[in-house]
Amino acid sequence: MMSSLVQDFLDFAQIKSGKFRINIKPINIHEMLEKVMAIQREKANEAELKLVAETTNISKISQEGLIQKSVKKYSPVVYTDEQRVM
């Protein structure tokens, strides 16, 4: 948590100086959501809240690495800067 706050301050300084860089790469929405949920789950439990996330129309990758296409769904892979999204 503290490291992300420090990173945010560094990002702000880079934006002001015109040297900000974005690290865009392919990421899996489901995996990123699980990371975010893991971080926030403890806080939710302390506040006696139920934390729920639902992805609709986003495919899951099967164990064979193939996208399940039973219903029209979108790829779970997007190109973004994962650190900024998190």
N, C-alpha and C. Protein backbone atom coordinates (compact mmCIF):
# COMPACT_ATOMS: atom_id res chain seq x y z
N MET A 1 0.83 -1.19 0.00
CA MET A 1 0.00 0.00 0.00
C MET A 1 0.87 1.25 0.00
N MET A 2 1.85 1.28 0.89
CA MET A 2 2.72 2.46 0.98
C MET A 2 3.56 2.61 -0.29
N SER A 3 3.99 1.47 -0.86
CA SER A 3 4.80 1.56 -2.08
C SER A 3 3.99 2.12 -3.24
N SER A 4 2.70 1.81 -3.29
CA SER A 4 1.89 2.35 -4.38
C SER A 4 1.66 3.85 -4.19
N LEU A 5 1.60 4.30 -2.94
CA LEU A 5 1.46 5.73 -2.67
C LEU A 5 2.72 6.48 -3.10
N VAL A 6 3.86 5.91 -2.78
CA VAL A 6 5.14 6.50 -3.19
C VAL A 6 5.23 6.53 -4.71
N GLN A 7 4.80 5.43 -5.35
CA GLN A 7 4.83 5.37 -6.81
C GLN A 7 3.92 6.44 -7.42
N ASP A 8 2.77 6.68 -6.79
CA ASP A 8 1.86 7.72 -7.28
C ASP A 8 2.52 9.10 -7.22
N PHE A 9 3.24 9.38 -6.14
CA PHE A 9 3.95 10.66 -6.02
C PHE A 9 5.04 10.79 -7.09
N LEU A 10 5.75 9.69 -7.33
CA LEU A 10 6.79 9.70 -8.36
C LEU A 10 6.17 9.92 -9.74
N ASP A 11 5.03 9.28 -9.98
CA ASP A 11 4.33 9.47 -11.25
C ASP A 11 3.94 10.93 -11.43
N PHE A 12 3.41 11.54 -10.38
CA PHE A 12 2.99 12.93 -10.45
C PHE A 12 4.18 13.82 -10.79
N ALA A 13 5.32 13.57 -10.16
CA ALA A 13 6.53 14.35 -10.44
C ALA A 13 6.96 14.16 -11.90
N GLN A 14 6.86 12.93 -12.40
CA GLN A 14 7.22 12.67 -13.80
C GLN A 14 6.26 13.37 -14.76
N ILE A 15 4.99 13.41 -14.41
CA ILE A 15 4.01 14.10 -15.26
C ILE A 15 4.35 15.59 -15.32
N LYS A 16 4.64 16.17 -14.16
CA LYS A 16 4.98 17.60 -14.12
C LYS A 16 6.23 17.91 -14.93
N SER A 17 7.19 16.99 -14.93
CA SER A 17 8.44 17.23 -15.65
C SER A 17 8.36 16.80 -17.12
N GLY A 18 7.24 16.20 -17.51
CA GLY A 18 7.09 15.75 -18.89
C GLY A 18 7.82 14.46 -19.20
N LYS A 19 8.18 13.69 -18.19
CA LYS A 19 8.93 12.45 -18.39
C LYS A 19 8.14 11.19 -18.01
N PHE A 20 6.84 11.32 -17.92
CA PHE A 20 6.00 10.19 -17.52
C PHE A 20 5.94 9.15 -18.63
N ARG A 21 6.09 7.89 -18.27
CA ARG A 21 6.03 6.80 -19.24
C ARG A 21 4.97 5.79 -18.79
N ILE A 22 4.25 5.29 -19.76
CA ILE A 22 3.25 4.26 -19.49
C ILE A 22 3.81 2.93 -19.94
N ASN A 23 3.61 1.90 -19.14
CA ASN A 23 4.09 0.56 -19.44
C ASN A 23 2.91 -0.29 -19.91
N ILE A 24 2.58 -0.18 -21.20
CA ILE A 24 1.44 -0.91 -21.74
C ILE A 24 1.87 -2.30 -22.18
N LYS A 25 1.12 -3.29 -21.69
CA LYS A 25 1.38 -4.68 -22.06
C LYS A 25 0.07 -5.46 -21.94
N PRO A 26 0.01 -6.66 -22.52
CA PRO A 26 -1.22 -7.44 -22.41
C PRO A 26 -1.38 -7.99 -20.99
N ILE A 27 -2.57 -7.83 -20.44
CA ILE A 27 -2.86 -8.39 -19.11
C ILE A 27 -4.20 -9.11 -19.16
N ASN A 28 -4.37 -10.06 -18.27
CA ASN A 28 -5.62 -10.81 -18.16
C ASN A 28 -6.48 -10.13 -17.11
N ILE A 29 -7.68 -9.70 -17.50
CA ILE A 29 -8.59 -9.00 -16.60
C ILE A 29 -8.89 -9.82 -15.36
N HIS A 30 -9.13 -11.11 -15.53
CA HIS A 30 -9.47 -11.97 -14.39
C HIS A 30 -8.32 -12.02 -13.38
N GLU A 31 -7.10 -12.16 -13.87
CA GLU A 31 -5.95 -12.22 -12.97
C GLU A 31 -5.75 -10.90 -12.24
N MET A 32 -5.90 -9.79 -12.96
CA MET A 32 -5.74 -8.49 -12.33
C MET A 32 -6.83 -8.25 -11.29
N LEU A 33 -8.05 -8.64 -11.62
CA LEU A 33 -9.15 -8.48 -10.67
C LEU A 33 -8.91 -9.30 -9.41
N GLU A 34 -8.38 -10.49 -9.56
CA GLU A 34 -8.06 -11.32 -8.39
C GLU A 34 -7.01 -10.64 -7.50
N LYS A 35 -6.02 -10.01 -8.12
CA LYS A 35 -5.01 -9.30 -7.34
C LYS A 35 -5.63 -8.15 -6.56
N VAL A 36 -6.49 -7.37 -7.22
CA VAL A 36 -7.15 -6.25 -6.56
C VAL A 36 -8.05 -6.75 -5.44
N MET A 37 -8.79 -7.82 -5.70
CA MET A 37 -9.68 -8.38 -4.68
C MET A 37 -8.89 -8.87 -3.47
N ALA A 38 -7.76 -9.49 -3.71
CA ALA A 38 -6.93 -9.97 -2.60
C ALA A 38 -6.46 -8.82 -1.72
N ILE A 39 -6.10 -7.71 -2.36
CA ILE A 39 -5.65 -6.54 -1.61
C ILE A 39 -6.79 -5.94 -0.78
N GLN A 40 -7.97 -5.84 -1.37
CA GLN A 40 -9.10 -5.19 -0.72
C GLN A 40 -9.90 -6.11 0.21
N ARG A 41 -9.77 -7.42 0.05
CA ARG A 41 -10.54 -8.38 0.84
C ARG A 41 -10.32 -8.21 2.34
N GLU A 42 -9.08 -8.02 2.75
CA GLU A 42 -8.78 -7.88 4.17
C GLU A 42 -9.47 -6.65 4.76
N LYS A 43 -9.43 -5.55 4.04
CA LYS A 43 -10.11 -4.33 4.51
C LYS A 43 -11.61 -4.55 4.61
N ALA A 44 -12.18 -5.23 3.62
CA ALA A 44 -13.61 -5.50 3.64
C ALA A 44 -13.97 -6.39 4.82
N ASN A 45 -13.17 -7.41 5.09
CA ASN A 45 -13.43 -8.30 6.22
C ASN A 45 -13.37 -7.55 7.54
N GLU A 46 -12.41 -6.66 7.69
CA GLU A 46 -12.30 -5.87 8.92
C GLU A 46 -13.54 -5.00 9.13
N ALA A 47 -14.11 -4.51 8.05
CA ALA A 47 -15.30 -3.67 8.13
C ALA A 47 -16.58 -4.51 8.09
N GLU A 48 -16.43 -5.84 8.13
CA GLU A 48 -17.54 -6.77 8.08
C GLU A 48 -18.41 -6.56 6.83
N LEU A 49 -17.73 -6.35 5.71
CA LEU A 49 -18.39 -6.18 4.43
C LEU A 49 -18.11 -7.38 3.54
N LYS A 50 -19.04 -7.68 2.67
CA LYS A 50 -18.84 -8.75 1.70
C LYS A 50 -18.33 -8.12 0.41
N LEU A 51 -17.19 -8.56 -0.06
CA LEU A 51 -16.58 -8.02 -1.27
C LEU A 51 -16.88 -8.96 -2.44
N VAL A 52 -17.52 -8.43 -3.48
CA VAL A 52 -17.93 -9.24 -4.62
C VAL A 52 -17.50 -8.54 -5.90
N ALA A 53 -17.00 -9.32 -6.84
CA ALA A 53 -16.68 -8.80 -8.17
C ALA A 53 -17.27 -9.76 -9.19
N GLU A 54 -17.88 -9.22 -10.20
CA GLU A 54 -18.48 -10.05 -11.24
C GLU A 54 -18.02 -9.56 -12.60
N THR A 55 -17.59 -10.49 -13.42
CA THR A 55 -17.23 -10.14 -14.79
C THR A 55 -18.28 -10.76 -15.71
N THR A 56 -18.88 -9.93 -16.51
CA THR A 56 -19.93 -10.37 -17.43
C THR A 56 -19.42 -10.19 -18.86
N ASN A 57 -19.68 -11.17 -19.68
CA ASN A 57 -19.28 -11.14 -21.09
C ASN A 57 -17.77 -11.12 -21.29
N ILE A 58 -17.03 -11.61 -20.33
CA ILE A 58 -15.58 -11.73 -20.49
C ILE A 58 -15.23 -13.21 -20.36
N SER A 59 -14.64 -13.75 -21.39
CA SER A 59 -14.30 -15.17 -21.40
C SER A 59 -13.25 -15.49 -20.35
N LYS A 60 -13.26 -16.73 -19.93
CA LYS A 60 -12.18 -17.25 -19.08
C LYS A 60 -11.35 -18.17 -19.96
N ILE A 61 -10.07 -18.19 -19.71
CA ILE A 61 -9.20 -19.08 -20.47
C ILE A 61 -9.30 -20.48 -19.87
N SER A 62 -9.53 -21.47 -20.70
CA SER A 62 -9.61 -22.84 -20.21
C SER A 62 -8.21 -23.33 -19.87
N GLN A 63 -8.14 -24.48 -19.23
CA GLN A 63 -6.83 -25.03 -18.86
C GLN A 63 -5.98 -25.32 -20.08
N GLU A 64 -6.61 -25.54 -21.21
CA GLU A 64 -5.86 -25.79 -22.44
C GLU A 64 -5.41 -24.49 -23.09
N GLY A 65 -5.80 -23.35 -22.52
CA GLY A 65 -5.39 -22.07 -23.07
C GLY A 65 -6.32 -21.56 -24.16
N LEU A 66 -7.48 -22.19 -24.31
CA LEU A 66 -8.42 -21.77 -25.34
C LEU A 66 -9.55 -20.97 -24.72
N ILE A 67 -10.03 -19.97 -25.44
CA ILE A 67 -11.15 -19.17 -24.95
C ILE A 67 -12.44 -19.95 -25.14
N GLN A 68 -13.24 -20.05 -24.07
CA GLN A 68 -14.53 -20.72 -24.16
C GLN A 68 -15.49 -19.82 -24.91
N LYS A 69 -16.18 -20.36 -25.91
CA LYS A 69 -17.04 -19.53 -26.75
C LYS A 69 -18.48 -20.03 -26.76
N SER A 70 -19.02 -20.44 -25.62
CA SER A 70 -20.40 -20.92 -25.57
C SER A 70 -21.38 -19.77 -25.78
N VAL A 71 -21.04 -18.59 -25.31
CA VAL A 71 -21.86 -17.39 -25.46
C VAL A 71 -20.93 -16.32 -25.98
N LYS A 72 -21.46 -15.34 -26.73
CA LYS A 72 -20.58 -14.28 -27.23
C LYS A 72 -19.94 -13.57 -26.05
N LYS A 73 -18.64 -13.69 -25.95
CA LYS A 73 -17.89 -13.08 -24.87
C LYS A 73 -16.67 -12.39 -25.43
N TYR A 74 -16.11 -11.52 -24.64
CA TYR A 74 -14.93 -10.77 -25.05
C TYR A 74 -13.68 -11.38 -24.44
N SER A 75 -12.57 -11.16 -25.08
CA SER A 75 -11.29 -11.68 -24.61
C SER A 75 -10.96 -11.10 -23.23
N PRO A 76 -10.39 -11.92 -22.35
CA PRO A 76 -9.99 -11.42 -21.04
C PRO A 76 -8.68 -10.64 -21.09
N VAL A 77 -8.06 -10.59 -22.27
CA VAL A 77 -6.78 -9.91 -22.40
C VAL A 77 -6.99 -8.50 -22.95
N VAL A 78 -6.44 -7.52 -22.23
CA VAL A 78 -6.48 -6.13 -22.67
C VAL A 78 -5.07 -5.57 -22.61
N TYR A 79 -4.83 -4.51 -23.35
CA TYR A 79 -3.53 -3.85 -23.35
C TYR A 79 -3.65 -2.59 -22.52
N THR A 80 -2.93 -2.56 -21.40
CA THR A 80 -2.99 -1.42 -20.50
C THR A 80 -1.77 -1.43 -19.59
N ASP A 81 -1.67 -0.41 -18.78
CA ASP A 81 -0.62 -0.34 -17.77
C ASP A 81 -1.22 -0.88 -16.48
N GLU A 82 -0.90 -2.11 -16.15
CA GLU A 82 -1.51 -2.80 -15.01
C GLU A 82 -1.33 -2.03 -13.70
N GLN A 83 -0.14 -1.51 -13.49
CA GLN A 83 0.13 -0.79 -12.24
C GLN A 83 -0.80 0.41 -12.10
N ARG A 84 -1.03 1.14 -13.19
CA ARG A 84 -1.91 2.31 -13.13
C ARG A 84 -3.35 1.92 -12.88
N VAL A 85 -3.78 0.82 -13.48
CA VAL A 85 -5.15 0.36 -13.28
C VAL A 85 -5.35 -0.10 -11.84
N MET A 86 -4.38 -0.82 -11.33
CA MET A 86 -4.52 -1.30 -9.95
C MET A 86 -4.48 -0.14 -8.98
